[in-house]
Each structure stands twice: as structure tokens, then as C-alpha cells.
Amino acid sequence: MSDFDLDLQTAEGELDEPEPGGQVVLGVLDGTTDPEAWIEHVENDDVLVLNIEGELNELAAGFAREVRDLGGELMHFRGFLVVSPPGREIDSDRLG
């Protein structure tokens, strides 16, 4: 076997810092916000908690499919729409 000259401290210093996760964005889903704005939040790794004011299917039609196509999740919970970005699962196990 050959010897490797590996300096782990130097290598660790060269690693990029992980990008911080997104933020939790509270909003109102009432049709006044451009659906692209919600999609942009999901693409930026944000979790959306949107108070639904109106017919959910109509209000989410402009972004729900694209969020799912990106790998995100949507869940209706007690008058809110929770939207998570790809890689962040919505855990509903404790809802009973």
C-alpha cells in the first residue's frame, strides 16, 4: 500500500460551508400574490404556511403542480396550506 499525504485540517478548511436551509414564510393565500412568487420561495428552500382565504383548489392551481414537479409537498391543515421544498418531508404522523 502506498502512503497518502492527506492533511484533513486543510481539506476541511477548503470545504464549502453548507448553505443554510430556507426560512419559514407565513402568508395569506387569497389570489393576490403571483403564483410564481410561491414557486420561487420553494425553489429557495423555504417552507410556506399559507392561510387559505377562498377556494383552495382555485387558489393553489397556479403553483401546486409545479411545486410537486420540483419534488415539494403540499398539505392542507386546519385552514392552512403547508408547502415544503424538495427534500423536506411534511410529517403528519402525530395528527392521529
N, C-alpha and C. Protein backbone atom coordinates (compact mmCIF):
# COMPACT_ATOMS: atom_id res chain seq x y z
N MET A 1 0.84 -1.19 0.00
CA MET A 1 0.00 0.00 0.00
C MET A 1 0.88 1.24 0.00
N SER A 2 0.41 2.25 -0.69
CA SER A 2 1.17 3.50 -0.70
C SER A 2 0.67 4.40 0.41
N ASP A 3 1.56 5.27 0.85
CA ASP A 3 1.19 6.23 1.89
C ASP A 3 0.54 7.45 1.24
N PHE A 4 -0.52 7.91 1.86
CA PHE A 4 -1.17 9.12 1.40
C PHE A 4 -0.77 10.26 2.30
N ASP A 5 -0.49 11.39 1.69
CA ASP A 5 -0.18 12.59 2.47
C ASP A 5 -1.45 13.44 2.48
N LEU A 6 -2.32 13.10 3.42
CA LEU A 6 -3.62 13.76 3.47
C LEU A 6 -3.70 14.60 4.74
N ASP A 7 -3.88 15.89 4.54
CA ASP A 7 -4.00 16.83 5.66
C ASP A 7 -5.48 17.15 5.83
N LEU A 8 -6.12 16.46 6.77
CA LEU A 8 -7.56 16.62 6.94
C LEU A 8 -7.95 18.02 7.40
N GLN A 9 -7.11 18.66 8.20
CA GLN A 9 -7.45 20.01 8.66
C GLN A 9 -7.47 20.98 7.48
N THR A 10 -6.53 20.86 6.59
CA THR A 10 -6.51 21.74 5.42
C THR A 10 -7.70 21.42 4.52
N ALA A 11 -7.96 20.13 4.32
CA ALA A 11 -9.08 19.73 3.48
C ALA A 11 -10.39 20.24 4.04
N GLU A 12 -10.54 20.15 5.36
CA GLU A 12 -11.78 20.62 6.00
C GLU A 12 -11.95 22.12 5.79
N GLY A 13 -10.86 22.85 5.85
CA GLY A 13 -10.92 24.30 5.64
C GLY A 13 -11.31 24.69 4.23
N GLU A 14 -11.08 23.78 3.28
CA GLU A 14 -11.39 24.05 1.87
C GLU A 14 -12.83 23.73 1.52
N LEU A 15 -13.51 22.99 2.38
CA LEU A 15 -14.89 22.64 2.10
C LEU A 15 -15.79 23.87 2.15
N ASP A 16 -16.73 23.90 1.25
CA ASP A 16 -17.71 24.98 1.28
C ASP A 16 -18.60 24.81 2.49
N GLU A 17 -18.96 25.91 3.09
CA GLU A 17 -19.91 25.87 4.19
C GLU A 17 -21.26 25.47 3.61
N PRO A 18 -21.98 24.59 4.30
CA PRO A 18 -23.30 24.24 3.78
C PRO A 18 -24.20 25.47 3.76
N GLU A 19 -24.98 25.54 2.71
CA GLU A 19 -25.89 26.67 2.62
C GLU A 19 -26.96 26.49 3.68
N PRO A 20 -27.28 27.57 4.37
CA PRO A 20 -28.33 27.44 5.39
C PRO A 20 -29.65 27.08 4.73
N GLY A 21 -30.47 26.34 5.48
CA GLY A 21 -31.79 25.99 4.96
C GLY A 21 -32.62 27.24 4.78
N GLY A 22 -33.71 27.08 4.10
CA GLY A 22 -34.57 28.23 3.88
C GLY A 22 -35.24 28.67 5.16
N GLN A 23 -36.17 29.54 4.99
CA GLN A 23 -36.90 30.07 6.15
C GLN A 23 -38.35 29.59 6.09
N VAL A 24 -39.06 29.82 7.16
CA VAL A 24 -40.50 29.54 7.19
C VAL A 24 -41.19 30.86 6.85
N VAL A 25 -41.99 30.82 5.81
CA VAL A 25 -42.67 32.02 5.33
C VAL A 25 -44.16 31.90 5.63
N LEU A 26 -44.68 32.84 6.40
CA LEU A 26 -46.11 32.91 6.69
C LEU A 26 -46.76 33.86 5.70
N GLY A 27 -47.90 33.45 5.17
CA GLY A 27 -48.56 34.31 4.20
C GLY A 27 -50.03 34.00 4.13
N VAL A 28 -50.69 34.72 3.24
CA VAL A 28 -52.13 34.54 3.01
C VAL A 28 -52.31 34.12 1.56
N LEU A 29 -53.01 33.02 1.37
CA LEU A 29 -53.32 32.53 0.04
C LEU A 29 -54.73 33.01 -0.31
N ASP A 30 -54.78 34.14 -1.01
CA ASP A 30 -56.07 34.74 -1.35
C ASP A 30 -56.16 35.16 -2.82
N GLY A 31 -55.15 34.79 -3.59
CA GLY A 31 -55.15 35.12 -5.02
C GLY A 31 -54.46 36.42 -5.36
N THR A 32 -54.02 37.18 -4.37
CA THR A 32 -53.38 38.46 -4.67
C THR A 32 -51.88 38.33 -4.93
N THR A 33 -51.28 37.22 -4.52
CA THR A 33 -49.85 37.00 -4.74
C THR A 33 -49.66 36.19 -6.00
N ASP A 34 -48.74 36.63 -6.85
CA ASP A 34 -48.42 35.92 -8.08
C ASP A 34 -47.96 34.50 -7.74
N PRO A 35 -48.52 33.47 -8.36
CA PRO A 35 -48.11 32.09 -8.07
C PRO A 35 -46.60 31.88 -8.24
N GLU A 36 -45.98 32.60 -9.14
CA GLU A 36 -44.52 32.48 -9.33
C GLU A 36 -43.75 32.85 -8.07
N ALA A 37 -44.31 33.74 -7.26
CA ALA A 37 -43.65 34.12 -6.01
C ALA A 37 -43.60 32.94 -5.06
N TRP A 38 -44.70 32.16 -5.00
CA TRP A 38 -44.71 30.98 -4.13
C TRP A 38 -43.72 29.93 -4.64
N ILE A 39 -43.68 29.75 -5.96
CA ILE A 39 -42.74 28.79 -6.55
C ILE A 39 -41.31 29.21 -6.25
N GLU A 40 -41.03 30.48 -6.36
CA GLU A 40 -39.69 30.99 -6.08
C GLU A 40 -39.28 30.71 -4.63
N HIS A 41 -40.20 30.87 -3.70
CA HIS A 41 -39.90 30.54 -2.30
C HIS A 41 -39.51 29.07 -2.16
N VAL A 42 -40.28 28.20 -2.80
CA VAL A 42 -39.99 26.76 -2.72
C VAL A 42 -38.62 26.47 -3.33
N GLU A 43 -38.33 27.09 -4.44
CA GLU A 43 -37.02 26.90 -5.08
C GLU A 43 -35.88 27.39 -4.19
N ASN A 44 -36.17 28.35 -3.32
CA ASN A 44 -35.17 28.89 -2.39
C ASN A 44 -35.14 28.13 -1.07
N ASP A 45 -35.80 26.96 -1.04
CA ASP A 45 -35.79 26.06 0.11
C ASP A 45 -36.61 26.59 1.29
N ASP A 46 -37.58 27.44 1.02
CA ASP A 46 -38.45 27.96 2.06
C ASP A 46 -39.65 27.04 2.27
N VAL A 47 -40.14 27.00 3.49
CA VAL A 47 -41.39 26.31 3.82
C VAL A 47 -42.46 27.40 3.91
N LEU A 48 -43.59 27.17 3.25
CA LEU A 48 -44.69 28.14 3.25
C LEU A 48 -45.80 27.64 4.17
N VAL A 49 -46.33 28.53 4.97
CA VAL A 49 -47.53 28.27 5.77
C VAL A 49 -48.50 29.38 5.38
N LEU A 50 -49.48 29.00 4.57
CA LEU A 50 -50.37 29.99 3.96
C LEU A 50 -51.79 29.84 4.49
N ASN A 51 -52.33 30.91 5.04
CA ASN A 51 -53.72 30.95 5.50
C ASN A 51 -54.60 31.02 4.25
N ILE A 52 -55.51 30.07 4.13
CA ILE A 52 -56.34 29.97 2.93
C ILE A 52 -57.57 30.85 3.09
N GLU A 53 -57.73 31.77 2.17
CA GLU A 53 -58.91 32.64 2.16
C GLU A 53 -59.60 32.51 0.81
N GLY A 54 -60.43 31.50 0.71
CA GLY A 54 -61.13 31.23 -0.54
C GLY A 54 -61.09 29.75 -0.86
N GLU A 55 -61.31 29.42 -2.10
CA GLU A 55 -61.35 28.03 -2.58
C GLU A 55 -59.92 27.55 -2.85
N LEU A 56 -59.48 26.60 -2.03
CA LEU A 56 -58.10 26.12 -2.09
C LEU A 56 -57.69 25.67 -3.48
N ASN A 57 -58.49 24.85 -4.13
CA ASN A 57 -58.12 24.32 -5.44
C ASN A 57 -57.89 25.43 -6.46
N GLU A 58 -58.72 26.44 -6.44
CA GLU A 58 -58.57 27.57 -7.35
C GLU A 58 -57.32 28.38 -7.01
N LEU A 59 -57.13 28.63 -5.71
CA LEU A 59 -56.02 29.48 -5.28
C LEU A 59 -54.66 28.83 -5.49
N ALA A 60 -54.59 27.52 -5.37
CA ALA A 60 -53.31 26.81 -5.49
C ALA A 60 -53.04 26.31 -6.91
N ALA A 61 -54.01 26.45 -7.79
CA ALA A 61 -53.87 25.91 -9.15
C ALA A 61 -52.66 26.46 -9.89
N GLY A 62 -52.28 27.68 -9.60
CA GLY A 62 -51.18 28.31 -10.33
C GLY A 62 -49.79 27.87 -9.91
N PHE A 63 -49.68 27.11 -8.81
CA PHE A 63 -48.34 26.71 -8.37
C PHE A 63 -48.24 25.28 -7.84
N ALA A 64 -49.36 24.64 -7.50
CA ALA A 64 -49.31 23.32 -6.86
C ALA A 64 -48.62 22.27 -7.73
N ARG A 65 -48.97 22.19 -8.98
CA ARG A 65 -48.38 21.18 -9.86
C ARG A 65 -46.88 21.40 -10.01
N GLU A 66 -46.49 22.62 -10.18
CA GLU A 66 -45.05 22.91 -10.34
C GLU A 66 -44.27 22.58 -9.07
N VAL A 67 -44.85 22.88 -7.91
CA VAL A 67 -44.19 22.53 -6.64
C VAL A 67 -44.01 21.02 -6.56
N ARG A 68 -45.03 20.27 -6.91
CA ARG A 68 -44.92 18.80 -6.90
C ARG A 68 -43.90 18.32 -7.91
N ASP A 69 -43.88 18.94 -9.10
CA ASP A 69 -42.91 18.55 -10.13
C ASP A 69 -41.48 18.82 -9.68
N LEU A 70 -41.30 19.84 -8.84
CA LEU A 70 -39.98 20.14 -8.29
C LEU A 70 -39.58 19.14 -7.21
N GLY A 71 -40.55 18.40 -6.69
CA GLY A 71 -40.29 17.44 -5.62
C GLY A 71 -40.76 17.92 -4.26
N GLY A 72 -41.48 19.05 -4.24
CA GLY A 72 -42.01 19.58 -2.99
C GLY A 72 -43.31 18.90 -2.60
N GLU A 73 -43.80 19.24 -1.43
CA GLU A 73 -45.05 18.67 -0.93
C GLU A 73 -46.01 19.78 -0.54
N LEU A 74 -47.30 19.48 -0.62
CA LEU A 74 -48.36 20.39 -0.19
C LEU A 74 -49.30 19.62 0.71
N MET A 75 -49.73 20.25 1.79
CA MET A 75 -50.69 19.62 2.69
C MET A 75 -51.64 20.67 3.25
N HIS A 76 -52.93 20.38 3.17
CA HIS A 76 -53.97 21.24 3.74
C HIS A 76 -54.13 20.84 5.20
N PHE A 77 -53.99 21.81 6.09
CA PHE A 77 -54.11 21.53 7.52
C PHE A 77 -54.80 22.69 8.23
N ARG A 78 -56.00 22.43 8.73
CA ARG A 78 -56.76 23.39 9.54
C ARG A 78 -56.80 24.82 8.97
N GLY A 79 -57.19 24.95 7.77
CA GLY A 79 -57.32 26.27 7.16
C GLY A 79 -56.02 26.83 6.63
N PHE A 80 -54.97 26.03 6.63
CA PHE A 80 -53.68 26.47 6.12
C PHE A 80 -53.22 25.50 5.04
N LEU A 81 -52.43 26.01 4.12
CA LEU A 81 -51.74 25.18 3.16
C LEU A 81 -50.27 25.22 3.54
N VAL A 82 -49.70 24.06 3.83
CA VAL A 82 -48.29 23.95 4.17
C VAL A 82 -47.59 23.43 2.91
N VAL A 83 -46.55 24.14 2.50
CA VAL A 83 -45.82 23.79 1.29
C VAL A 83 -44.35 23.64 1.66
N SER A 84 -43.79 22.47 1.34
CA SER A 84 -42.39 22.24 1.66
C SER A 84 -41.57 22.08 0.38
N PRO A 85 -40.31 22.47 0.44
CA PRO A 85 -39.45 22.34 -0.73
C PRO A 85 -38.97 20.89 -0.91
N PRO A 86 -38.36 20.59 -2.04
CA PRO A 86 -37.82 19.25 -2.26
C PRO A 86 -36.87 18.86 -1.14
N GLY A 87 -36.98 17.61 -0.71
CA GLY A 87 -36.09 17.10 0.32
C GLY A 87 -36.54 17.37 1.74
N ARG A 88 -37.64 18.07 1.89
CA ARG A 88 -38.16 18.36 3.23
C ARG A 88 -39.58 17.81 3.32
N GLU A 89 -39.70 16.67 3.97
CA GLU A 89 -40.98 15.97 4.06
C GLU A 89 -41.88 16.61 5.12
N ILE A 90 -43.17 16.66 4.83
CA ILE A 90 -44.14 17.12 5.81
C ILE A 90 -44.56 15.89 6.62
N ASP A 91 -44.26 15.89 7.90
CA ASP A 91 -44.56 14.76 8.77
C ASP A 91 -45.92 14.98 9.43
N SER A 92 -46.89 14.15 9.06
CA SER A 92 -48.23 14.28 9.62
C SER A 92 -48.57 13.12 10.55
N ASP A 93 -47.58 12.36 10.97
CA ASP A 93 -47.82 11.18 11.80
C ASP A 93 -48.50 11.50 13.13
N ARG A 94 -48.29 12.67 13.68
CA ARG A 94 -48.84 13.00 15.00
C ARG A 94 -50.25 13.57 14.93
N LEU A 95 -50.80 13.64 13.75
CA LEU A 95 -52.14 14.20 13.63
C LEU A 95 -53.22 13.21 14.04
N GLY A 96 -52.88 11.94 14.13
CA GLY A 96 -53.80 10.92 14.60
C GLY A 96 -54.80 10.54 13.65
